[in-house]
């Protein structure tokens, strides 16, 4: 399989499409064949060197949507062929496939495309947390969104 591998820091050209070994599921893991991946500002910051990576080379990416291709021991809630999505660390979504623990998976609504799911899960979860956990927004209260230009800001302002 192929993955975009980061060996240093810099602009988008620093990411190199590289042949890597196919992932094998460990206990409680599944292998997801990605249909769409999300590109987030976190990834850009890692690539630019603004956030430290513990190891290089690295494969960036926190979120993706795809189909389960293989299942490891202990997986009972999912089966091969299930459409799933995730939005969590560790990094590794910029690849054709990824092994990930079943506890990080959700089953996305069929009404949303793979691209919609992969492109909005991290920002959507952050917007939800800000409105329902950090500060419980209600109609009687006003909130100020300092920047509606990014993904989270755009979701908050809907």
C-alpha atoms as a PDB file:
ATOM      1  CA  UNK A   1       0.000   0.000   0.000  1.00  0.00           C
ATOM      2  CA  UNK A   2       0.988   3.661  -0.156  1.00  0.00           C
ATOM      3  CA  UNK A   3       1.109   6.414   2.437  1.00  0.00           C
ATOM      4  CA  UNK A   4       2.171  10.047   2.486  1.00  0.00           C
ATOM      5  CA  UNK A   5       5.277  10.002   4.662  1.00  0.00           C
ATOM      6  CA  UNK A   6       6.753  13.057   6.376  1.00  0.00           C
ATOM      7  CA  UNK A   7      10.523  12.946   6.944  1.00  0.00           C
ATOM      8  CA  UNK A   8      11.138  16.603   7.801  1.00  0.00           C
ATOM      9  CA  UNK A   9       9.315  19.895   7.951  1.00  0.00           C
ATOM     10  CA  UNK A  10       8.275  22.313   5.241  1.00  0.00           C
ATOM     11  CA  UNK A  11       5.572  22.984   2.681  1.00  0.00           C
ATOM     12  CA  UNK A  12       3.254  20.360   1.178  1.00  0.00           C
ATOM     13  CA  UNK A  13       6.043  19.071  -1.105  1.00  0.00           C
ATOM     14  CA  UNK A  14       7.772  17.557   1.941  1.00  0.00           C
ATOM     15  CA  UNK A  15       5.118  14.783   2.001  1.00  0.00           C
ATOM     16  CA  UNK A  16       6.287  11.874  -0.141  1.00  0.00           C
ATOM     17  CA  UNK A  17       4.021   9.139  -1.473  1.00  0.00           C
ATOM     18  CA  UNK A  18       5.817   6.012  -0.284  1.00  0.00           C
ATOM     19  CA  UNK A  19       5.241   2.267  -0.479  1.00  0.00           C
ATOM     20  CA  UNK A  20       4.803   0.917   3.047  1.00  0.00           C
ATOM     21  CA  UNK A  21       3.851  -2.410   4.537  1.00  0.00           C
ATOM     22  CA  UNK A  22       0.155  -3.232   4.810  1.00  0.00           C
ATOM     23  CA  UNK A  23      -1.103  -2.890   8.378  1.00  0.00           C
ATOM     24  CA  UNK A  24      -1.989  -6.019  10.332  1.00  0.00           C
ATOM     25  CA  UNK A  25      -4.708  -5.787  12.977  1.00  0.00           C
ATOM     26  CA  UNK A  26      -3.674  -6.462  16.562  1.00  0.00           C
ATOM     27  CA  UNK A  27      -6.045  -7.464  19.329  1.00  0.00           C
ATOM     28  CA  UNK A  28      -9.171  -5.235  19.292  1.00  0.00           C
ATOM     29  CA  UNK A  29      -8.101  -3.566  16.046  1.00  0.00           C
ATOM     30  CA  UNK A  30      -9.523  -3.465  12.544  1.00  0.00           C
ATOM     31  CA  UNK A  31      -7.889  -2.487   9.265  1.00  0.00           C
ATOM     32  CA  UNK A  32      -9.804   0.302   7.529  1.00  0.00           C
ATOM     33  CA  UNK A  33      -9.359   0.801   3.781  1.00  0.00           C
ATOM     34  CA  UNK A  34      -9.745   4.553   3.474  1.00  0.00           C
ATOM     35  CA  UNK A  35     -12.178   6.022   0.974  1.00  0.00           C
ATOM     36  CA  UNK A  36     -11.607   9.622   2.167  1.00  0.00           C
ATOM     37  CA  UNK A  37      -9.315  11.292   4.680  1.00  0.00           C
ATOM     38  CA  UNK A  38      -9.618  14.636   6.419  1.00  0.00           C
ATOM     39  CA  UNK A  39      -6.912  17.280   6.199  1.00  0.00           C
ATOM     40  CA  UNK A  40      -6.884  19.513   9.268  1.00  0.00           C
ATOM     41  CA  UNK A  41      -4.949  22.506  10.515  1.00  0.00           C
ATOM     42  CA  UNK A  42      -3.261  20.194  13.065  1.00  0.00           C
ATOM     43  CA  UNK A  43      -1.719  18.295  10.150  1.00  0.00           C
ATOM     44  CA  UNK A  44      -0.458  21.519   8.585  1.00  0.00           C
ATOM     45  CA  UNK A  45       1.125  22.537  11.916  1.00  0.00           C
ATOM     46  CA  UNK A  46       2.889  19.168  12.232  1.00  0.00           C
ATOM     47  CA  UNK A  47       4.132  19.426   8.636  1.00  0.00           C
ATOM     48  CA  UNK A  48       5.436  22.955   9.154  1.00  0.00           C
ATOM     49  CA  UNK A  49       7.187  21.966  12.385  1.00  0.00           C
ATOM     50  CA  UNK A  50       5.014  24.151  14.629  1.00  0.00           C
ATOM     51  CA  UNK A  51       4.013  21.044  16.618  1.00  0.00           C
ATOM     52  CA  UNK A  52       6.634  18.449  17.496  1.00  0.00           C
ATOM     53  CA  UNK A  53       6.371  14.902  16.240  1.00  0.00           C
ATOM     54  CA  UNK A  54       7.777  12.275  18.571  1.00  0.00           C
ATOM     55  CA  UNK A  55       9.004  10.168  15.655  1.00  0.00           C
ATOM     56  CA  UNK A  56       9.927  10.711  12.026  1.00  0.00           C
ATOM     57  CA  UNK A  57       9.249   9.469   9.476  1.00  0.00           C
ATOM     58  CA  UNK A  58       5.558   9.926  10.253  1.00  0.00           C
ATOM     59  CA  UNK A  59       2.250   9.544   8.495  1.00  0.00           C
ATOM     60  CA  UNK A  60      -0.047  12.446   9.369  1.00  0.00           C
ATOM     61  CA  UNK A  61      -3.837  12.497   9.660  1.00  0.00           C
ATOM     62  CA  UNK A  62      -6.392  12.117  12.448  1.00  0.00           C
ATOM     63  CA  UNK A  63      -9.615  11.356  10.583  1.00  0.00           C
ATOM     64  CA  UNK A  64     -10.895   9.171   7.796  1.00  0.00           C
ATOM     65  CA  UNK A  65     -13.872   7.279   6.475  1.00  0.00           C
ATOM     66  CA  UNK A  66     -13.662   3.881   4.851  1.00  0.00           C
ATOM     67  CA  UNK A  67     -14.509   0.200   4.918  1.00  0.00           C
ATOM     68  CA  UNK A  68     -13.256  -2.507   7.271  1.00  0.00           C
ATOM     69  CA  UNK A  69     -10.958  -4.854   5.397  1.00  0.00           C
ATOM     70  CA  UNK A  70      -9.617  -7.068   8.224  1.00  0.00           C
ATOM     71  CA  UNK A  71     -10.459  -7.755  11.848  1.00  0.00           C
ATOM     72  CA  UNK A  72      -8.197  -8.636  14.744  1.00  0.00           C
ATOM     73  CA  UNK A  73      -8.855 -10.874  17.713  1.00  0.00           C
ATOM     74  CA  UNK A  74     -11.468  -9.549  20.150  1.00  0.00           C
ATOM     75  CA  UNK A  75     -13.429  -7.422  17.686  1.00  0.00           C
ATOM     76  CA  UNK A  76     -17.123  -8.217  18.063  1.00  0.00           C
ATOM     77  CA  UNK A  77     -18.985  -5.000  17.218  1.00  0.00           C
ATOM     78  CA  UNK A  78     -17.775  -4.701  13.623  1.00  0.00           C
ATOM     79  CA  UNK A  79     -17.416  -6.960  10.608  1.00  0.00           C
ATOM     80  CA  UNK A  80     -15.541  -6.923   7.323  1.00  0.00           C
ATOM     81  CA  UNK A  81     -17.312  -4.615   4.890  1.00  0.00           C
ATOM     82  CA  UNK A  82     -18.708  -2.224   7.517  1.00  0.00           C
ATOM     83  CA  UNK A  83     -18.452   1.466   6.640  1.00  0.00           C
ATOM     84  CA  UNK A  84     -16.755   3.264   9.524  1.00  0.00           C
ATOM     85  CA  UNK A  85     -15.102   6.553  10.413  1.00  0.00           C
ATOM     86  CA  UNK A  86     -12.747   7.810  13.099  1.00  0.00           C
ATOM     87  CA  UNK A  87     -11.298  11.082  14.335  1.00  0.00           C
ATOM     88  CA  UNK A  88      -8.539  10.427  16.831  1.00  0.00           C
ATOM     89  CA  UNK A  89      -4.832  10.037  17.410  1.00  0.00           C
ATOM     90  CA  UNK A  90      -2.425   8.535  16.981  1.00  0.00           C
ATOM     91  CA  UNK A  91      -1.547   9.940  13.583  1.00  0.00           C
ATOM     92  CA  UNK A  92      -1.729   7.721  10.514  1.00  0.00           C
ATOM     93  CA  UNK A  93      -4.699   8.528   8.277  1.00  0.00           C
ATOM     94  CA  UNK A  94      -2.714   9.754   5.244  1.00  0.00           C
ATOM     95  CA  UNK A  95      -2.528   6.200   3.928  1.00  0.00           C
ATOM     96  CA  UNK A  96      -4.563   3.789   1.862  1.00  0.00           C
ATOM     97  CA  UNK A  97      -5.204   1.626   4.939  1.00  0.00           C
ATOM     98  CA  UNK A  98      -4.823   1.840   8.671  1.00  0.00           C
ATOM     99  CA  UNK A  99      -5.074  -0.477  11.669  1.00  0.00           C
ATOM    100  CA  UNK A 100      -7.024   1.218  14.457  1.00  0.00           C
ATOM    101  CA  UNK A 101      -8.607   0.142  17.726  1.00  0.00           C
ATOM    102  CA  UNK A 102     -12.324  -0.594  17.445  1.00  0.00           C
ATOM    103  CA  UNK A 103     -13.137   1.778  20.327  1.00  0.00           C
ATOM    104  CA  UNK A 104     -12.317   4.766  18.094  1.00  0.00           C
ATOM    105  CA  UNK A 105     -14.757   3.800  15.326  1.00  0.00           C
ATOM    106  CA  UNK A 106     -18.207   5.146  14.596  1.00  0.00           C
ATOM    107  CA  UNK A 107     -20.708   4.116  11.962  1.00  0.00           C
ATOM    108  CA  UNK A 108     -21.454   7.274   9.979  1.00  0.00           C
ATOM    109  CA  UNK A 109     -24.936   8.091   8.696  1.00  0.00           C
ATOM    110  CA  UNK A 110     -25.642   6.736   5.218  1.00  0.00           C
ATOM    111  CA  UNK A 111     -26.993  10.161   4.253  1.00  0.00           C
ATOM    112  CA  UNK A 112     -23.437  11.591   4.375  1.00  0.00           C
ATOM    113  CA  UNK A 113     -20.792  10.822   1.763  1.00  0.00           C
ATOM    114  CA  UNK A 114     -17.358   9.514   2.710  1.00  0.00           C
ATOM    115  CA  UNK A 115     -15.874  12.912   1.851  1.00  0.00           C
ATOM    116  CA  UNK A 116     -18.402  14.762   4.029  1.00  0.00           C
ATOM    117  CA  UNK A 117     -17.701  12.488   6.987  1.00  0.00           C
ATOM    118  CA  UNK A 118     -13.904  12.537   6.679  1.00  0.00           C
ATOM    119  CA  UNK A 119     -13.835  16.276   6.135  1.00  0.00           C
ATOM    120  CA  UNK A 120     -16.008  17.273   9.074  1.00  0.00           C
ATOM    121  CA  UNK A 121     -15.637  14.820  11.936  1.00  0.00           C
ATOM    122  CA  UNK A 122     -12.807  16.509  13.891  1.00  0.00           C
ATOM    123  CA  UNK A 123     -14.215  20.016  13.422  1.00  0.00           C
ATOM    124  CA  UNK A 124     -17.754  18.854  14.120  1.00  0.00           C
ATOM    125  CA  UNK A 125     -16.759  17.152  17.358  1.00  0.00           C
ATOM    126  CA  UNK A 126     -14.844  20.257  18.455  1.00  0.00           C
ATOM    127  CA  UNK A 127     -17.771  22.557  17.667  1.00  0.00           C
ATOM    128  CA  UNK A 128     -20.136  20.233  19.541  1.00  0.00           C
ATOM    129  CA  UNK A 129     -17.841  20.105  22.575  1.00  0.00           C
ATOM    130  CA  UNK A 130     -17.525  23.889  22.657  1.00  0.00           C
ATOM    131  CA  UNK A 131     -21.305  24.393  22.516  1.00  0.00           C
ATOM    132  CA  UNK A 132     -22.358  21.572  24.815  1.00  0.00           C
ATOM    133  CA  UNK A 133     -19.465  20.940  27.211  1.00  0.00           C
ATOM    134  CA  UNK A 134     -17.136  23.930  27.452  1.00  0.00           C
ATOM    135  CA  UNK A 135     -19.998  26.415  27.512  1.00  0.00           C
ATOM    136  CA  UNK A 136     -23.588  25.247  27.322  1.00  0.00           C
ATOM    137  CA  UNK A 137     -25.082  27.527  24.694  1.00  0.00           C
ATOM    138  CA  UNK A 138     -28.785  28.330  25.023  1.00  0.00           C
ATOM    139  CA  UNK A 139     -31.033  30.776  23.163  1.00  0.00           C
ATOM    140  CA  UNK A 140     -31.108  33.212  26.093  1.00  0.00           C
ATOM    141  CA  UNK A 141     -27.307  33.618  26.032  1.00  0.00           C
ATOM    142  CA  UNK A 142     -25.026  35.208  23.472  1.00  0.00           C
ATOM    143  CA  UNK A 143     -21.646  33.838  22.507  1.00  0.00           C
ATOM    144  CA  UNK A 144     -18.832  35.436  20.559  1.00  0.00           C
ATOM    145  CA  UNK A 145     -17.001  33.446  17.911  1.00  0.00           C
ATOM    146  CA  UNK A 146     -13.706  35.223  17.313  1.00  0.00           C
ATOM    147  CA  UNK A 147     -12.996  33.654  13.935  1.00  0.00           C
ATOM    148  CA  UNK A 148     -15.540  32.115  11.596  1.00  0.00           C
ATOM    149  CA  UNK A 149     -12.885  31.575   8.934  1.00  0.00           C
ATOM    150  CA  UNK A 150     -11.722  28.095   9.975  1.00  0.00           C
ATOM    151  CA  UNK A 151     -13.610  24.827  10.042  1.00  0.00           C
ATOM    152  CA  UNK A 152     -14.668  24.992  13.686  1.00  0.00           C
ATOM    153  CA  UNK A 153     -15.679  28.646  13.412  1.00  0.00           C
ATOM    154  CA  UNK A 154     -17.775  27.930  10.328  1.00  0.00           C
ATOM    155  CA  UNK A 155     -19.570  25.115  12.104  1.00  0.00           C
ATOM    156  CA  UNK A 156     -20.168  27.206  15.212  1.00  0.00           C
ATOM    157  CA  UNK A 157     -21.724  29.987  13.151  1.00  0.00           C
ATOM    158  CA  UNK A 158     -24.254  27.729  11.470  1.00  0.00           C
END
